[in-house]
N, C-alpha and C. Protein backbone atom coordinates (compact mmCIF):
# COMPACT_ATOMS: atom_id res chain seq x y z
N MET A 1 124.03 107.92 -1.58
CA MET A 1 123.84 109.40 -1.86
C MET A 1 124.65 110.09 -2.65
N SER A 2 124.17 110.64 -3.70
CA SER A 2 124.46 111.96 -4.69
C SER A 2 125.59 113.25 -4.19
N SER A 3 126.91 113.23 -4.94
CA SER A 3 127.30 114.34 -4.41
C SER A 3 126.37 115.55 -5.41
N ILE A 4 126.17 117.04 -3.92
CA ILE A 4 125.42 117.78 -4.43
C ILE A 4 126.20 119.06 -4.73
N TYR A 5 127.04 119.00 -3.60
CA TYR A 5 127.48 120.49 -2.84
C TYR A 5 128.69 120.59 -3.60
N LYS A 6 129.21 121.59 -4.01
CA LYS A 6 130.39 121.47 -4.72
C LYS A 6 131.59 121.97 -4.03
N CYS A 7 133.27 121.22 -4.09
CA CYS A 7 133.54 121.83 -3.38
C CYS A 7 134.79 123.25 -3.73
N PRO A 8 135.38 124.07 -2.65
CA PRO A 8 134.90 125.90 -2.91
C PRO A 8 136.61 125.45 -3.39
N CYS A 9 137.17 124.74 -3.43
CA CYS A 9 138.75 123.77 -3.59
C CYS A 9 139.08 123.83 -5.29
N CYS A 10 138.63 122.59 -5.32
CA CYS A 10 138.39 122.50 -7.38
C CYS A 10 136.71 122.19 -8.02
N GLY A 11 136.21 122.68 -7.20
CA GLY A 11 134.61 123.14 -7.87
C GLY A 11 134.31 121.81 -8.67
N GLU A 12 134.45 120.68 -8.02
CA GLU A 12 133.97 119.12 -8.93
C GLU A 12 132.09 119.01 -7.20
N LYS A 13 132.04 118.58 -7.43
CA LYS A 13 130.34 118.33 -6.72
C LYS A 13 131.12 117.06 -5.85
N SER A 14 131.36 117.47 -4.58
CA SER A 14 131.71 115.56 -4.16
C SER A 14 131.64 115.62 -2.82
N PHE A 15 130.22 116.73 -2.04
CA PHE A 15 129.97 116.26 -1.20
C PHE A 15 128.17 116.24 -0.72
N ASN A 16 128.22 115.70 -0.03
CA ASN A 16 126.55 115.31 -0.12
C ASN A 16 126.02 115.88 1.19
N PRO A 17 124.27 116.06 1.60
CA PRO A 17 124.23 116.81 2.94
C PRO A 17 124.83 116.04 3.90
N LEU A 18 125.05 114.78 4.92
CA LEU A 18 125.36 113.95 5.46
C LEU A 18 127.01 114.90 5.18
N THR A 19 128.13 114.17 4.35
CA THR A 19 129.30 114.62 4.23
C THR A 19 129.31 116.44 4.22
N LYS A 20 128.62 117.30 3.72
CA LYS A 20 128.60 118.63 4.35
C LYS A 20 127.76 118.94 5.35
N ALA A 21 127.54 118.29 6.28
CA ALA A 21 127.31 118.95 7.84
C ALA A 21 128.70 118.76 8.64
N MET A 22 129.20 117.05 8.37
CA MET A 22 129.99 117.04 8.60
C MET A 22 131.98 117.54 9.15
N THR A 23 131.54 118.74 7.92
CA THR A 23 132.19 119.35 7.10
C THR A 23 132.60 120.53 9.18
N GLY A 24 132.20 120.63 9.73
CA GLY A 24 131.99 121.07 10.18
C GLY A 24 132.79 122.97 10.74
N THR A 25 132.52 123.58 11.43
CA THR A 25 132.35 125.63 11.19
C THR A 25 133.98 125.42 11.15
N MET A 26 134.07 126.70 10.61
CA MET A 26 135.47 127.59 10.85
C MET A 26 136.39 126.97 11.91
N LYS A 27 136.35 126.39 13.21
CA LYS A 27 137.17 126.45 14.76
C LYS A 27 137.43 125.14 14.21
N SER A 28 136.45 123.69 13.73
CA SER A 28 136.91 122.38 13.23
C SER A 28 138.44 122.05 13.39
N LYS A 29 138.54 120.71 12.92
CA LYS A 29 139.55 120.78 12.63
C LYS A 29 139.53 120.37 11.49
N VAL A 30 138.86 120.34 10.18
CA VAL A 30 137.99 120.10 8.92
C VAL A 30 137.78 118.62 8.30
N LYS A 31 136.78 118.53 7.14
CA LYS A 31 137.66 117.85 6.28
C LYS A 31 138.24 118.28 4.88
N CYS A 32 138.76 116.43 4.66
CA CYS A 32 139.38 116.63 3.36
C CYS A 32 138.21 116.41 2.27
N CYS A 33 138.34 117.03 1.51
CA CYS A 33 137.50 116.60 -0.45
C CYS A 33 138.04 115.50 -0.59
N PRO A 34 136.85 114.66 -1.10
CA PRO A 34 137.04 113.50 -1.43
C PRO A 34 138.11 113.12 -2.43
N LYS A 35 137.54 113.73 -3.58
CA LYS A 35 138.54 114.29 -5.08
C LYS A 35 139.81 114.47 -5.35
N CYS A 36 140.07 115.93 -4.35
CA CYS A 36 141.05 116.80 -4.51
C CYS A 36 142.52 116.55 -3.12
N GLY A 37 141.02 116.17 -2.02
CA GLY A 37 142.20 115.94 -0.64
C GLY A 37 142.46 117.23 0.07
N LYS A 38 142.24 118.40 -0.65
CA LYS A 38 141.81 119.85 0.09
C LYS A 38 141.41 119.78 1.94
N ARG A 39 141.80 120.87 2.30
CA ARG A 39 140.25 120.84 3.22
C ARG A 39 139.36 121.78 3.54
N CYS A 40 138.12 121.43 3.40
CA CYS A 40 137.48 122.30 3.42
C CYS A 40 136.20 122.56 4.64
N VAL A 41 135.44 123.92 4.98
CA VAL A 41 135.02 124.26 6.16
C VAL A 41 133.53 124.41 5.61
N ASN A 42 132.12 124.57 6.60
CA ASN A 42 131.70 125.45 6.64
C ASN A 42 131.77 127.53 6.67
N GLY A 43 131.73 127.91 6.11
CA GLY A 43 131.61 129.53 6.33
C GLY A 43 131.54 130.33 7.08
N LYS A 44 131.46 131.55 6.91
CA LYS A 44 131.27 132.25 8.45
C LYS A 44 129.39 132.52 9.08
N GLY A 45 128.98 131.98 7.59
CA GLY A 45 127.69 132.09 8.08
C GLY A 45 126.92 130.92 9.44
N ALA A 46 127.82 129.92 9.18
CA ALA A 46 127.66 128.82 10.01
C ALA A 46 128.46 129.32 10.85
N ALA A 47 129.16 129.39 11.61
CA ALA A 47 129.88 129.43 11.91
C ALA A 47 129.00 131.01 13.66
N ALA A 48 128.09 131.79 12.81
CA ALA A 48 127.69 132.92 13.42
C ALA A 48 126.66 131.93 13.84
N PHE A 49 126.05 130.88 12.89
CA PHE A 49 124.46 130.50 13.37
C PHE A 49 125.04 129.65 14.73
N ALA A 50 125.39 128.90 14.80
CA ALA A 50 126.08 127.30 15.32
C ALA A 50 126.51 128.54 16.93
N ALA A 51 126.78 129.61 16.86
CA ALA A 51 127.12 130.50 18.04
C ALA A 51 126.62 131.08 18.95
N LEU A 52 125.17 131.50 18.32
CA LEU A 52 123.79 131.99 18.43
C LEU A 52 123.18 131.00 18.97
N TYR A 53 123.40 129.96 18.24
CA TYR A 53 122.08 128.62 18.92
C TYR A 53 122.70 128.10 20.12
N TYR A 54 124.05 128.32 20.08
CA TYR A 54 124.52 127.76 21.01
C TYR A 54 124.23 128.32 22.55
N THR A 55 124.18 129.66 22.76
CA THR A 55 123.71 130.35 22.98
C THR A 55 122.90 130.75 23.67
N VAL A 56 121.77 130.81 22.78
CA VAL A 56 120.72 130.29 22.88
C VAL A 56 119.69 129.53 23.77
N SER A 57 119.91 128.23 23.26
CA SER A 57 119.89 126.45 23.68
C SER A 57 120.88 126.46 25.25
N PHE A 58 121.94 127.27 25.09
CA PHE A 58 122.71 126.87 26.95
C PHE A 58 121.91 128.22 27.51
N LEU A 59 121.18 128.92 26.84
CA LEU A 59 120.21 130.45 28.28
C LEU A 59 119.28 130.03 28.31
N PHE A 60 118.72 128.43 27.57
CA PHE A 60 117.28 127.79 27.63
C PHE A 60 117.51 127.26 28.78
N VAL A 61 118.70 125.71 28.84
CA VAL A 61 119.21 125.12 29.62
C VAL A 61 119.02 125.75 31.60
N ILE A 62 119.91 126.93 31.35
CA ILE A 62 119.88 127.74 32.08
C ILE A 62 119.03 127.86 32.94
N PHE A 63 117.64 128.63 32.37
CA PHE A 63 116.32 128.89 33.07
C PHE A 63 115.56 127.22 32.98
N VAL A 64 115.83 126.70 32.60
CA VAL A 64 114.98 125.25 32.83
C VAL A 64 115.28 124.91 33.95
N PHE A 65 116.59 124.98 34.33
CA PHE A 65 117.96 124.20 35.73
C PHE A 65 116.91 125.50 36.36
N PHE A 66 116.95 126.31 36.80
CA PHE A 66 116.90 126.97 38.10
C PHE A 66 114.80 127.58 38.18
N HIS A 67 114.17 127.45 36.55
CA HIS A 67 113.15 128.13 37.25
C HIS A 67 112.25 126.63 36.90
N GLY A 68 112.99 125.14 36.42
CA GLY A 68 111.85 124.04 36.13
C GLY A 68 111.80 123.90 37.73
N GLN A 69 111.69 124.07 38.79
CA GLN A 69 110.80 123.15 40.29
C GLN A 69 109.84 124.46 40.37
N ASP A 70 109.97 125.76 40.13
CA ASP A 70 108.60 126.42 40.11
C ASP A 70 107.33 126.05 39.37
N ASN A 71 107.81 125.21 38.56
CA ASN A 71 106.39 126.00 37.24
C ASN A 71 106.08 123.66 37.39
N TYR A 72 104.31 124.27 37.78
CA TYR A 72 104.05 122.26 37.98
C TYR A 72 104.04 121.51 37.02
N CYS A 73 103.68 122.12 35.64
CA CYS A 73 104.15 121.49 34.40
C CYS A 73 105.56 121.11 34.69
N TRP A 74 106.78 121.64 34.16
CA TRP A 74 107.73 121.43 34.47
C TRP A 74 108.28 120.29 35.55
N ASP A 75 107.39 120.72 36.01
CA ASP A 75 108.56 119.28 37.58
C ASP A 75 108.81 118.33 36.75
N THR A 76 108.23 117.43 36.31
CA THR A 76 107.67 116.06 36.28
C THR A 76 109.00 115.97 34.59
N HIS A 77 108.94 117.15 34.22
CA HIS A 77 109.44 116.87 32.72
C HIS A 77 110.76 118.37 32.69
N GLU A 78 111.48 118.14 33.91
CA GLU A 78 112.72 118.73 34.16
C GLU A 78 114.55 117.75 33.56
N VAL A 79 113.90 117.34 34.06
CA VAL A 79 114.95 115.79 34.06
C VAL A 79 115.24 115.71 32.23
N PRO A 80 114.48 115.38 31.65
CA PRO A 80 114.72 115.20 30.70
C PRO A 80 114.92 115.93 29.66
N LEU A 81 114.05 117.30 29.65
CA LEU A 81 114.20 117.99 28.92
C LEU A 81 115.47 118.82 29.09
N VAL A 82 116.27 119.45 30.17
CA VAL A 82 117.61 119.62 29.94
C VAL A 82 118.50 118.26 28.89
N PRO A 83 118.35 116.99 28.67
CA PRO A 83 119.80 116.23 27.35
C PRO A 83 119.01 116.59 26.65
N ALA A 84 117.71 116.50 26.50
CA ALA A 84 117.30 116.69 24.98
C ALA A 84 117.69 118.11 24.34
N LEU A 85 117.91 118.91 25.38
CA LEU A 85 117.96 120.40 24.77
C LEU A 85 119.60 120.48 24.48
N MET A 86 120.34 119.82 25.65
CA MET A 86 121.61 119.66 25.16
C MET A 86 122.26 118.81 23.96
N LEU A 87 121.28 117.73 23.58
CA LEU A 87 121.37 116.97 21.91
C LEU A 87 121.19 118.19 21.15
N ASN A 88 119.99 118.04 21.10
CA ASN A 88 119.98 119.56 20.14
C ASN A 88 120.76 120.94 19.74
N MET A 89 121.02 120.84 21.05
CA MET A 89 122.48 122.08 20.49
C MET A 89 123.60 120.86 19.97
N TYR A 90 123.59 120.56 19.97
CA TYR A 90 124.17 119.43 19.27
C TYR A 90 123.59 119.07 17.40
N LEU A 91 122.83 118.70 17.74
CA LEU A 91 122.16 118.15 15.96
C LEU A 91 121.51 118.94 14.92
N VAL A 92 120.62 119.95 15.84
CA VAL A 92 120.10 121.34 15.13
C VAL A 92 121.91 122.18 14.14
N PRO A 93 122.69 122.75 14.54
CA PRO A 93 123.76 122.79 13.96
C PRO A 93 124.82 122.21 13.08
N LYS A 94 124.55 121.23 13.03
CA LYS A 94 124.49 120.09 12.00
C LYS A 94 123.53 120.54 11.00
N ILE A 95 122.62 119.98 10.91
CA ILE A 95 120.78 119.47 10.24
C ILE A 95 121.12 120.67 9.44
N VAL A 96 121.90 122.02 9.75
CA VAL A 96 121.53 122.89 9.25
C VAL A 96 122.14 123.35 8.73
N ASN A 97 123.65 122.86 9.04
CA ASN A 97 125.00 123.35 8.56
C ASN A 97 125.29 122.23 7.23
N GLY A 98 124.40 121.54 7.47
CA GLY A 98 123.93 120.09 5.96
C GLY A 98 123.59 121.01 4.41
N PHE A 99 122.62 121.14 4.83
CA PHE A 99 121.60 122.35 3.68
C PHE A 99 121.62 123.38 3.19
N CYS A 100 122.15 124.28 4.56
CA CYS A 100 122.11 125.98 4.35
C CYS A 100 123.08 127.17 3.66
N PHE A 101 124.63 126.60 5.13
CA PHE A 101 124.88 127.20 4.05
C PHE A 101 126.41 127.44 3.27
N ARG A 102 127.01 128.00 2.36
CA ARG A 102 127.83 128.32 1.88
C ARG A 102 129.38 127.51 2.38
N MET A 103 130.19 126.35 1.45
CA MET A 103 131.77 126.04 1.73
C MET A 103 133.18 126.77 1.67
N MET A 104 133.89 127.19 2.35
CA MET A 104 135.18 127.23 1.53
C MET A 104 136.07 127.04 2.30
N GLU A 105 137.01 127.11 1.87
CA GLU A 105 138.76 127.06 2.67
C GLU A 105 138.88 127.25 3.59
N THR A 106 139.07 126.34 4.19
CA THR A 106 139.73 125.95 5.74
C THR A 106 141.38 127.44 5.86
N VAL A 107 140.71 128.05 6.95
CA VAL A 107 142.04 129.55 7.08
C VAL A 107 143.01 128.91 8.02
N ARG A 108 142.67 127.87 8.51
CA ARG A 108 143.42 127.40 9.86
C ARG A 108 145.17 126.43 8.99
N THR A 109 145.72 127.36 9.23
CA THR A 109 147.54 127.14 9.33
C THR A 109 148.09 125.28 10.02
N ASP A 110 147.06 125.18 10.52
CA ASP A 110 147.75 123.84 11.98
C ASP A 110 147.33 122.66 11.31
N VAL A 111 145.80 122.54 10.67
CA VAL A 111 145.61 121.94 10.04
C VAL A 111 146.64 121.04 9.28
N TYR A 112 147.10 121.57 8.14
CA TYR A 112 148.17 121.26 7.27
C TYR A 112 149.67 120.70 7.68
N ARG A 113 150.01 121.02 8.75
CA ARG A 113 150.83 120.72 9.99
C ARG A 113 150.91 118.66 10.13
């Protein structure tokens, strides 16, 4: 896969959508740029999206857990629906991070120790 995203530190195209998706948000331990070696993360928009998406998905998991037995249609689908929602909580922010948000240099100081 060719590199199409620029590193915010050196300005060279060194990230493809897969590596950009795995860089993580601002709270993660970050990923190094393969060209310059500095650490990069997805920006504040990615962190805000992930927090909002996790919250909404978790509320839906709680709703399914408590009200799954009440509905005739959900009675048999409750058990596979909750793990699917939890997997969805992990995958969707990664996919969105790979294509949508700008990268920036990390602001964490503990990753350089």
